[in-house]
């Protein structure tokens, strides 16, 4: 039986180092990942430093050390129907899976793991948005981020 653990899939110490280097405005190297094979691939992506770094991911708020490095945390809550629709479209188009494979994965792995690990993270968010996010909400969020940047002297 296959058991999934985010500890196996994510190199948390390396990810924390990347965030720390970003915070120090240093150049960072990121490993490359192939979603079709669920594995890292040869090579890396180099990112230059920036005053604003946007980090996206499903597990970001679970690790206290990672959470502490994030200045402004946004959680986007989406209806289950929208999530399934988007996942089927992406996985059949980009990852070569059949509709049946996607739905089996959704039922047996994705939804249970979402409910257990992802959804509870919204308690640590500074802002919770409902998907689909409107242009007005994006504009308000942009203004709030700009205010935070100014507060940090950036």
Protein backbone atom coordinates (compact mmCIF):
# COMPACT_ATOMS: atom_id res chain seq x y z
CA UNK A 1 0.00 0.00 0.00
CA UNK A 2 1.27 3.45 -0.90
CA UNK A 3 1.44 5.92 1.97
CA UNK A 4 2.11 9.56 1.27
CA UNK A 5 4.02 11.83 3.58
CA UNK A 6 4.96 15.42 2.87
CA UNK A 7 8.18 14.70 4.77
CA UNK A 8 9.17 12.34 1.95
CA UNK A 9 8.12 14.61 -0.88
CA UNK A 10 9.47 17.97 0.24
CA UNK A 11 13.03 18.72 1.25
CA UNK A 12 12.03 21.07 4.08
CA UNK A 13 15.60 21.93 5.24
CA UNK A 14 16.59 22.90 1.69
CA UNK A 15 13.38 24.87 1.24
CA UNK A 16 14.00 26.73 4.51
CA UNK A 17 17.53 27.59 3.32
CA UNK A 18 16.13 28.95 0.05
CA UNK A 19 13.68 31.16 1.97
CA UNK A 20 16.42 32.38 4.28
CA UNK A 21 18.61 33.26 1.29
CA UNK A 22 15.66 35.07 -0.31
CA UNK A 23 15.15 37.05 2.89
CA UNK A 24 18.86 37.96 2.81
CA UNK A 25 18.39 39.11 -0.81
CA UNK A 26 20.81 36.48 -2.11
CA UNK A 27 20.66 34.61 -5.39
CA UNK A 28 19.14 31.14 -4.98
CA UNK A 29 19.28 27.87 -6.91
CA UNK A 30 16.12 25.81 -7.07
CA UNK A 31 15.91 22.13 -7.96
CA UNK A 32 13.74 21.15 -10.92
CA UNK A 33 10.83 18.74 -10.48
CA UNK A 34 8.91 16.64 -13.02
CA UNK A 35 5.25 16.31 -12.02
CA UNK A 36 4.69 13.48 -14.50
CA UNK A 37 7.34 11.27 -12.84
CA UNK A 38 7.02 12.74 -9.31
CA UNK A 39 10.77 13.20 -9.09
CA UNK A 40 13.52 15.75 -9.28
CA UNK A 41 15.30 16.06 -12.59
CA UNK A 42 18.83 17.12 -13.45
CA UNK A 43 19.58 20.81 -13.41
CA UNK A 44 18.41 23.77 -11.46
CA UNK A 45 16.74 27.12 -11.85
CA UNK A 46 18.61 30.19 -10.63
CA UNK A 47 16.61 33.11 -9.22
CA UNK A 48 18.00 36.54 -8.55
CA UNK A 49 17.15 38.38 -5.33
CA UNK A 50 14.08 40.62 -5.20
CA UNK A 51 12.31 42.84 -2.69
CA UNK A 52 9.16 40.73 -3.03
CA UNK A 53 9.18 36.96 -3.29
CA UNK A 54 5.94 35.08 -3.87
CA UNK A 55 5.96 31.48 -2.71
CA UNK A 56 3.11 29.18 -3.72
CA UNK A 57 2.37 25.74 -2.38
CA UNK A 58 -0.09 23.52 -0.60
CA UNK A 59 1.99 22.73 2.47
CA UNK A 60 3.67 26.05 3.23
CA UNK A 61 2.02 26.86 6.54
CA UNK A 62 2.39 23.38 8.13
CA UNK A 63 6.04 23.77 9.12
CA UNK A 64 6.48 26.39 11.89
CA UNK A 65 10.02 27.27 10.74
CA UNK A 66 8.76 27.93 7.22
CA UNK A 67 5.66 29.77 8.41
CA UNK A 68 7.84 32.09 10.48
CA UNK A 69 9.79 33.11 7.37
CA UNK A 70 6.66 34.20 5.51
CA UNK A 71 5.78 37.84 6.08
CA UNK A 72 2.30 37.77 4.58
CA UNK A 73 0.34 34.54 4.21
CA UNK A 74 -2.62 34.13 1.82
CA UNK A 75 -4.88 31.08 1.73
CA UNK A 76 -7.19 30.57 -1.23
CA UNK A 77 -10.21 28.44 -0.44
CA UNK A 78 -11.84 26.88 -3.52
CA UNK A 79 -15.05 24.88 -3.89
CA UNK A 80 -14.43 21.15 -4.38
CA UNK A 81 -16.12 21.15 -7.79
CA UNK A 82 -13.78 23.83 -9.08
CA UNK A 83 -10.74 21.96 -7.73
CA UNK A 84 -11.77 18.71 -9.43
CA UNK A 85 -12.51 20.49 -12.71
CA UNK A 86 -9.11 22.23 -12.74
CA UNK A 87 -7.23 19.09 -11.70
CA UNK A 88 -8.80 16.93 -14.39
CA UNK A 89 -8.05 19.55 -17.04
CA UNK A 90 -4.43 19.99 -15.92
CA UNK A 91 -3.57 16.35 -15.32
CA UNK A 92 -5.04 15.09 -18.59
CA UNK A 93 -3.47 17.91 -20.61
CA UNK A 94 -0.07 18.32 -18.93
CA UNK A 95 0.60 15.03 -17.16
CA UNK A 96 -0.80 12.51 -19.61
CA UNK A 97 -3.30 10.97 -17.18
CA UNK A 98 -6.74 9.71 -18.06
CA UNK A 99 -9.91 11.15 -16.52
CA UNK A 100 -10.37 7.90 -14.61
CA UNK A 101 -6.82 8.00 -13.22
CA UNK A 102 -7.29 11.58 -12.06
CA UNK A 103 -10.60 10.80 -10.39
CA UNK A 104 -9.20 7.71 -8.64
CA UNK A 105 -6.26 9.73 -7.36
CA UNK A 106 -8.63 12.52 -6.28
CA UNK A 107 -10.91 10.17 -4.33
CA UNK A 108 -8.25 8.03 -2.66
CA UNK A 109 -5.38 10.47 -2.13
CA UNK A 110 -5.92 14.11 -3.08
CA UNK A 111 -9.17 14.88 -1.26
CA UNK A 112 -8.34 12.97 1.96
CA UNK A 113 -4.89 14.59 2.12
CA UNK A 114 -6.37 18.02 1.39
CA UNK A 115 -8.89 17.65 4.20
CA UNK A 116 -6.27 16.34 6.62
CA UNK A 117 -3.31 18.59 5.86
CA UNK A 118 -4.09 21.52 3.57
CA UNK A 119 -7.49 22.90 4.66
CA UNK A 120 -6.50 23.27 8.35
CA UNK A 121 -3.65 25.61 7.34
CA UNK A 122 -6.04 28.48 6.72
CA UNK A 123 -5.90 29.21 10.47
CA UNK A 124 -2.39 30.60 9.94
CA UNK A 125 -3.27 32.83 7.00
CA UNK A 126 -3.32 36.61 7.20
CA UNK A 127 -5.91 36.69 4.41
CA UNK A 128 -8.35 34.04 3.20
CA UNK A 129 -9.74 34.44 -0.32
CA UNK A 130 -12.55 32.49 -1.97
CA UNK A 131 -11.85 31.16 -5.46
CA UNK A 132 -12.33 32.26 -8.08
CA UNK A 133 -10.73 35.48 -6.87
CA UNK A 134 -12.20 38.66 -8.36
CA UNK A 135 -10.23 41.49 -9.96
CA UNK A 136 -11.38 43.73 -7.12
CA UNK A 137 -9.97 41.33 -4.52
CA UNK A 138 -6.67 41.15 -6.41
CA UNK A 139 -6.50 44.95 -6.46
CA UNK A 140 -7.18 45.15 -2.72
CA UNK A 141 -4.57 42.48 -2.07
CA UNK A 142 -2.04 44.34 -4.23
CA UNK A 143 -2.63 47.48 -2.16
CA UNK A 144 -2.23 45.57 1.10
CA UNK A 145 1.02 44.00 -0.09
CA UNK A 146 2.30 47.43 -1.16
CA UNK A 147 1.46 48.80 2.31
CA UNK A 148 3.38 45.92 3.92
CA UNK A 149 6.38 46.56 1.68
CA UNK A 150 6.37 50.21 2.71
CA UNK A 151 6.09 49.23 6.38
CA UNK A 152 9.27 47.17 5.95
CA UNK A 153 11.02 50.01 4.14
CA UNK A 154 11.12 48.19 0.82
